[in-house]
Amino acid sequence: KVYLLHVPEVLSYTTTMVWGLGVVN
């Protein structure tokens, strides 16, 4: 089994994510 974990963080700058996802402000 693989556990995929995401921890939502506050970023100090705009960035683009992979897998065709958009920009996080």
PDB file of all heavy atoms in Angstrom:
ATOM      1  N   LYS A   1       0.829  -1.203   0.000  1.00  0.00           N
ATOM      2  CA  LYS A   1       0.000   0.000   0.000  1.00  0.00           C
ATOM      3  C   LYS A   1       0.861   1.250   0.000  1.00  0.00           C
ATOM      4  O   LYS A   1       1.881   1.316   0.680  1.00  0.00           O
ATOM      5  CB  LYS A   1      -0.885  -0.013   1.242  1.00  0.00           C
ATOM      6  CG  LYS A   1      -1.904   1.098   1.316  1.00  0.00           C
ATOM      7  CD  LYS A   1      -2.689   0.991   2.615  1.00  0.00           C
ATOM      8  CE  LYS A   1      -4.154   1.031   2.351  1.00  0.00           C
ATOM      9  NZ  LYS A   1      -4.956   0.913   3.579  1.00  0.00           N
ATOM     10  N   VAL A   2       0.423   2.235  -0.756  1.00  0.00           N
ATOM     11  CA  VAL A   2       1.046   3.550  -0.716  1.00  0.00           C
ATOM     12  C   VAL A   2       0.032   4.523  -0.115  1.00  0.00           C
ATOM     13  O   VAL A   2      -1.146   4.511  -0.469  1.00  0.00           O
ATOM     14  CB  VAL A   2       1.537   4.025  -2.109  1.00  0.00           C
ATOM     15  CG1 VAL A   2       0.412   4.203  -3.084  1.00  0.00           C
ATOM     16  CG2 VAL A   2       2.350   5.292  -1.999  1.00  0.00           C
ATOM     17  N   TYR A   3       0.503   5.292   0.855  1.00  0.00           N
ATOM     18  CA  TYR A   3      -0.308   6.339   1.481  1.00  0.00           C
ATOM     19  C   TYR A   3       0.131   7.669   0.879  1.00  0.00           C
ATOM     20  O   TYR A   3       1.305   8.036   0.991  1.00  0.00           O
ATOM     21  CB  TYR A   3      -0.083   6.383   2.992  1.00  0.00           C
ATOM     22  CG  TYR A   3      -0.547   5.153   3.732  1.00  0.00           C
ATOM     23  CD1 TYR A   3       0.292   4.057   3.892  1.00  0.00           C
ATOM     24  CD2 TYR A   3      -1.824   5.091   4.282  1.00  0.00           C
ATOM     25  CE1 TYR A   3      -0.132   2.927   4.575  1.00  0.00           C
ATOM     26  CE2 TYR A   3      -2.257   3.966   4.967  1.00  0.00           C
ATOM     27  CZ  TYR A   3      -1.399   2.890   5.108  1.00  0.00           C
ATOM     28  OH  TYR A   3      -1.826   1.777   5.784  1.00  0.00           O
ATOM     29  N   LEU A   4      -0.779   8.364   0.252  1.00  0.00           N
ATOM     30  CA  LEU A   4      -0.491   9.688  -0.285  1.00  0.00           C
ATOM     31  C   LEU A   4      -1.034  10.710   0.699  1.00  0.00           C
ATOM     32  O   LEU A   4      -2.220  10.687   1.035  1.00  0.00           O
ATOM     33  CB  LEU A   4      -1.151   9.867  -1.652  1.00  0.00           C
ATOM     34  CG  LEU A   4      -0.715   8.884  -2.733  1.00  0.00           C
ATOM     35  CD1 LEU A   4      -1.539   9.089  -3.996  1.00  0.00           C
ATOM     36  CD2 LEU A   4       0.775   9.019  -3.022  1.00  0.00           C
ATOM     37  N   LEU A   5      -0.166  11.584   1.168  1.00  0.00           N
ATOM     38  CA  LEU A   5      -0.532  12.572   2.189  1.00  0.00           C
ATOM     39  C   LEU A   5      -0.330  13.976   1.652  1.00  0.00           C
ATOM     40  O   LEU A   5       0.723  14.294   1.098  1.00  0.00           O
ATOM     41  CB  LEU A   5       0.349  12.370   3.432  1.00  0.00           C
ATOM     42  CG  LEU A   5       0.298  13.468   4.498  1.00  0.00           C
ATOM     43  CD1 LEU A   5      -1.077  13.528   5.162  1.00  0.00           C
ATOM     44  CD2 LEU A   5       1.392  13.260   5.523  1.00  0.00           C
ATOM     45  N   HIS A   6      -1.350  14.803   1.842  1.00  0.00           N
ATOM     46  CA  HIS A   6      -1.206  16.225   1.517  1.00  0.00           C
ATOM     47  C   HIS A   6      -1.492  17.042   2.765  1.00  0.00           C
ATOM     48  O   HIS A   6      -2.485  16.806   3.462  1.00  0.00           O
ATOM     49  CB  HIS A   6      -2.160  16.655   0.399  1.00  0.00           C
ATOM     50  CG  HIS A   6      -2.040  18.098   0.068  1.00  0.00           C
ATOM     51  ND1 HIS A   6      -0.932  18.627  -0.566  1.00  0.00           N
ATOM     52  CD2 HIS A   6      -2.870  19.147   0.317  1.00  0.00           C
ATOM     53  CE1 HIS A   6      -1.095  19.933  -0.701  1.00  0.00           C
ATOM     54  NE2 HIS A   6      -2.259  20.268  -0.165  1.00  0.00           N
ATOM     55  N   VAL A   7      -0.603  17.992   3.046  1.00  0.00           N
ATOM     56  CA  VAL A   7      -0.770  18.923   4.163  1.00  0.00           C
ATOM     57  C   VAL A   7      -0.940  20.315   3.555  1.00  0.00           C
ATOM     58  O   VAL A   7       0.022  20.868   3.020  1.00  0.00           O
ATOM     59  CB  VAL A   7       0.456  18.896   5.107  1.00  0.00           C
ATOM     60  CG1 VAL A   7       0.256  19.847   6.275  1.00  0.00           C
ATOM     61  CG2 VAL A   7       0.753  17.479   5.591  1.00  0.00           C
ATOM     62  N   PRO A   8      -2.165  20.869   3.579  1.00  0.00           N
ATOM     63  CA  PRO A   8      -2.361  22.188   2.974  1.00  0.00           C
ATOM     64  C   PRO A   8      -1.567  23.253   3.718  1.00  0.00           C
ATOM     65  O   PRO A   8      -1.655  23.351   4.939  1.00  0.00           O
ATOM     66  CB  PRO A   8      -3.867  22.433   3.100  1.00  0.00           C
ATOM     67  CG  PRO A   8      -4.420  21.349   3.943  1.00  0.00           C
ATOM     68  CD  PRO A   8      -3.367  20.324   4.166  1.00  0.00           C
ATOM     69  N   GLU A   9      -0.756  23.974   2.971  1.00  0.00           N
ATOM     70  CA  GLU A   9       0.114  24.995   3.566  1.00  0.00           C
ATOM     71  C   GLU A   9      -0.212  26.371   3.020  1.00  0.00           C
ATOM     72  O   GLU A   9      -0.653  26.503   1.878  1.00  0.00           O
ATOM     73  CB  GLU A   9       1.579  24.713   3.227  1.00  0.00           C
ATOM     74  CG  GLU A   9       2.194  23.543   3.920  1.00  0.00           C
ATOM     75  CD  GLU A   9       3.671  23.456   3.593  1.00  0.00           C
ATOM     76  OE1 GLU A   9       4.464  24.135   4.283  1.00  0.00           O
ATOM     77  OE2 GLU A   9       4.020  22.753   2.654  1.00  0.00           O
ATOM     78  N   VAL A  10       0.071  27.382   3.814  1.00  0.00           N
ATOM     79  CA  VAL A  10       0.003  28.757   3.341  1.00  0.00           C
ATOM     80  C   VAL A  10       1.346  29.055   2.686  1.00  0.00           C
ATOM     81  O   VAL A  10       2.398  28.896   3.301  1.00  0.00           O
ATOM     82  CB  VAL A  10      -0.234  29.745   4.509  1.00  0.00           C
ATOM     83  CG1 VAL A  10      -0.204  31.174   4.007  1.00  0.00           C
ATOM     84  CG2 VAL A  10      -1.548  29.438   5.200  1.00  0.00           C
ATOM     85  N   LEU A  11       1.302  29.436   1.415  1.00  0.00           N
ATOM     86  CA  LEU A  11       2.517  29.789   0.698  1.00  0.00           C
ATOM     87  C   LEU A  11       2.666  31.301   0.678  1.00  0.00           C
ATOM     88  O   LEU A  11       1.683  32.033   0.684  1.00  0.00           O
ATOM     89  CB  LEU A  11       2.470  29.239  -0.732  1.00  0.00           C
ATOM     90  CG  LEU A  11       2.330  27.720  -0.852  1.00  0.00           C
ATOM     91  CD1 LEU A  11       2.170  27.316  -2.307  1.00  0.00           C
ATOM     92  CD2 LEU A  11       3.508  27.016  -0.220  1.00  0.00           C
ATOM     93  N   SER A  12       3.902  31.756   0.626  1.00  0.00           N
ATOM     94  CA  SER A  12       4.135  33.200   0.629  1.00  0.00           C
ATOM     95  C   SER A  12       4.241  33.768  -0.784  1.00  0.00           C
ATOM     96  O   SER A  12       4.493  34.948  -0.961  1.00  0.00           O
ATOM     97  CB  SER A  12       5.413  33.511   1.416  1.00  0.00           C
ATOM     98  OG  SER A  12       6.511  32.823   0.847  1.00  0.00           O
ATOM     99  N   TYR A  13       4.036  32.920  -1.795  1.00  0.00           N
ATOM    100  CA  TYR A  13       4.135  33.359  -3.172  1.00  0.00           C
ATOM    101  C   TYR A  13       3.232  32.475  -4.034  1.00  0.00           C
ATOM    102  O   TYR A  13       2.844  31.384  -3.638  1.00  0.00           O
ATOM    103  CB  TYR A  13       5.583  33.273  -3.663  1.00  0.00           C
ATOM    104  CG  TYR A  13       6.157  31.879  -3.501  1.00  0.00           C
ATOM    105  CD1 TYR A  13       6.099  30.964  -4.541  1.00  0.00           C
ATOM    106  CD2 TYR A  13       6.720  31.468  -2.289  1.00  0.00           C
ATOM    107  CE1 TYR A  13       6.591  29.676  -4.385  1.00  0.00           C
ATOM    108  CE2 TYR A  13       7.215  30.189  -2.137  1.00  0.00           C
ATOM    109  CZ  TYR A  13       7.152  29.300  -3.186  1.00  0.00           C
ATOM    110  OH  TYR A  13       7.637  28.031  -3.033  1.00  0.00           O
ATOM    111  N   THR A  14       2.899  32.939  -5.234  1.00  0.00           N
ATOM    112  CA  THR A  14       2.081  32.174  -6.168  1.00  0.00           C
ATOM    113  C   THR A  14       2.941  31.100  -6.811  1.00  0.00           C
ATOM    114  O   THR A  14       4.078  31.357  -7.198  1.00  0.00           O
ATOM    115  CB  THR A  14       1.496  33.107  -7.249  1.00  0.00           C
ATOM    116  OG1 THR A  14       0.717  34.102  -6.600  1.00  0.00           O
ATOM    117  CG2 THR A  14       0.636  32.344  -8.233  1.00  0.00           C
ATOM    118  N   THR A  15       2.398  29.882  -6.927  1.00  0.00           N
ATOM    119  CA  THR A  15       3.152  28.796  -7.536  1.00  0.00           C
ATOM    120  C   THR A  15       2.233  27.912  -8.369  1.00  0.00           C
ATOM    121  O   THR A  15       1.033  27.856  -8.131  1.00  0.00           O
ATOM    122  CB  THR A  15       3.870  27.957  -6.457  1.00  0.00           C
ATOM    123  OG1 THR A  15       4.721  27.016  -7.094  1.00  0.00           O
ATOM    124  CG2 THR A  15       2.890  27.238  -5.568  1.00  0.00           C
ATOM    125  N   THR A  16       2.822  27.236  -9.344  1.00  0.00           N
ATOM    126  CA  THR A  16       2.082  26.317 -10.203  1.00  0.00           C
ATOM    127  C   THR A  16       2.385  24.892  -9.774  1.00  0.00           C
ATOM    128  O   THR A  16       3.527  24.546  -9.501  1.00  0.00           O
ATOM    129  CB  THR A  16       2.500  26.512 -11.674  1.00  0.00           C
ATOM    130  OG1 THR A  16       2.279  27.869 -12.039  1.00  0.00           O
ATOM    131  CG2 THR A  16       1.706  25.604 -12.594  1.00  0.00           C
ATOM    132  N   MET A  17       1.344  24.060  -9.736  1.00  0.00           N
ATOM    133  CA  MET A  17       1.510  22.665  -9.346  1.00  0.00           C
ATOM    134  C   MET A  17       1.553  21.769 -10.584  1.00  0.00           C
ATOM    135  O   MET A  17       1.144  22.184 -11.663  1.00  0.00           O
ATOM    136  CB  MET A  17       0.377  22.240  -8.407  1.00  0.00           C
ATOM    137  CG  MET A  17       0.341  23.049  -7.123  1.00  0.00           C
ATOM    138  SD  MET A  17      -0.691  22.370  -5.807  1.00  0.00           S
ATOM    139  CE  MET A  17      -2.277  22.212  -6.552  1.00  0.00           C
ATOM    140  N   VAL A  18       2.021  20.528 -10.398  1.00  0.00           N
ATOM    141  CA  VAL A  18       2.106  19.555 -11.486  1.00  0.00           C
ATOM    142  C   VAL A  18       0.788  18.812 -11.654  1.00  0.00           C
ATOM    143  O   VAL A  18      -0.177  19.097 -10.962  1.00  0.00           O
ATOM    144  CB  VAL A  18       3.264  18.546 -11.249  1.00  0.00           C
ATOM    145  CG1 VAL A  18       4.594  19.252 -11.247  1.00  0.00           C
ATOM    146  CG2 VAL A  18       3.053  17.763  -9.970  1.00  0.00           C
ATOM    147  N   TRP A  19       0.768  17.826 -12.525  1.00  0.00           N
ATOM    148  CA  TRP A  19      -0.400  16.994 -12.846  1.00  0.00           C
ATOM    149  C   TRP A  19      -1.514  17.824 -13.468  1.00  0.00           C
ATOM    150  O   TRP A  19      -2.697  17.560 -13.268  1.00  0.00           O
ATOM    151  CB  TRP A  19      -0.937  16.228 -11.637  1.00  0.00           C
ATOM    152  CG  TRP A  19      -0.125  15.045 -11.261  1.00  0.00           C
ATOM    153  CD1 TRP A  19       0.204  14.000 -12.060  1.00  0.00           C
ATOM    154  CD2 TRP A  19       0.463  14.768  -9.989  1.00  0.00           C
ATOM    155  NE1 TRP A  19       0.974  13.097 -11.360  1.00  0.00           N
ATOM    156  CE2 TRP A  19       1.139  13.543 -10.089  1.00  0.00           C
ATOM    157  CE3 TRP A  19       0.480  15.443  -8.780  1.00  0.00           C
ATOM    158  CZ2 TRP A  19       1.829  12.982  -9.038  1.00  0.00           C
ATOM    159  CZ3 TRP A  19       1.163  14.882  -7.734  1.00  0.00           C
ATOM    160  CH2 TRP A  19       1.831  13.665  -7.864  1.00  0.00           C
ATOM    161  N   GLY A  20      -1.140  18.889 -14.187  1.00  0.00           N
ATOM    162  CA  GLY A  20      -2.138  19.686 -14.875  1.00  0.00           C
ATOM    163  C   GLY A  20      -2.972  20.568 -13.966  1.00  0.00           C
ATOM    164  O   GLY A  20      -3.996  21.094 -14.378  1.00  0.00           O
ATOM    165  N   LEU A  21      -2.540  20.725 -12.726  1.00  0.00           N
ATOM    166  CA  LEU A  21      -3.278  21.572 -11.788  1.00  0.00           C
ATOM    167  C   LEU A  21      -2.836  23.012 -11.956  1.00  0.00           C
ATOM    168  O   LEU A  21      -1.731  23.301 -12.375  1.00  0.00           O
ATOM    169  CB  LEU A  21      -3.044  21.101 -10.352  1.00  0.00           C
ATOM    170  CG  LEU A  21      -3.517  19.675 -10.062  1.00  0.00           C
ATOM    171  CD1 LEU A  21      -3.147  19.270  -8.658  1.00  0.00           C
ATOM    172  CD2 LEU A  21      -5.013  19.555 -10.271  1.00  0.00           C
ATOM    173  N   GLY A  22      -3.696  23.908 -11.571  1.00  0.00           N
ATOM    174  CA  GLY A  22      -3.441  25.332 -11.766  1.00  0.00           C
ATOM    175  C   GLY A  22      -2.535  25.939 -10.726  1.00  0.00           C
ATOM    176  O   GLY A  22      -1.757  25.269 -10.059  1.00  0.00           O
ATOM    177  N   VAL A  23      -2.693  27.212 -10.586  1.00  0.00           N
ATOM    178  CA  VAL A  23      -1.861  28.023  -9.709  1.00  0.00           C
ATOM    179  C   VAL A  23      -2.484  28.107  -8.319  1.00  0.00           C
ATOM    180  O   VAL A  23      -3.695  28.189  -8.181  1.00  0.00           O
ATOM    181  CB  VAL A  23      -1.708  29.441 -10.310  1.00  0.00           C
ATOM    182  CG1 VAL A  23      -0.974  30.365  -9.371  1.00  0.00           C
ATOM    183  CG2 VAL A  23      -1.000  29.368 -11.651  1.00  0.00           C
ATOM    184  N   VAL A  24      -1.657  28.060  -7.294  1.00  0.00           N
ATOM    185  CA  VAL A  24      -2.106  28.275  -5.919  1.00  0.00           C
ATOM    186  C   VAL A  24      -1.634  29.662  -5.503  1.00  0.00           C
ATOM    187  O   VAL A  24      -0.442  29.965  -5.561  1.00  0.00           O
ATOM    188  CB  VAL A  24      -1.522  27.208  -4.968  1.00  0.00           C
ATOM    189  CG1 VAL A  24      -1.905  27.518  -3.530  1.00  0.00           C
ATOM    190  CG2 VAL A  24      -2.003  25.821  -5.356  1.00  0.00           C
ATOM    191  N   ASN A  25      -2.574  30.500  -5.103  1.00  0.00           N
ATOM    192  CA  ASN A  25      -2.250  31.864  -4.688  1.00  0.00           C
ATOM    193  C   ASN A  25      -2.031  31.924  -3.185  1.00  0.00           C
ATOM    194  O   ASN A  25      -2.697  31.215  -2.429  1.00  0.00           O
ATOM    195  CB  ASN A  25      -3.386  32.820  -5.067  1.00  0.00           C
ATOM    196  CG  ASN A  25      -3.506  32.969  -6.560  1.00  0.00           C
ATOM    197  OD1 ASN A  25      -2.521  33.210  -7.234  1.00  0.00           O
ATOM    198  ND2 ASN A  25      -4.710  32.804  -7.069  1.00  0.00           N
TER     199      ASN A  25
END
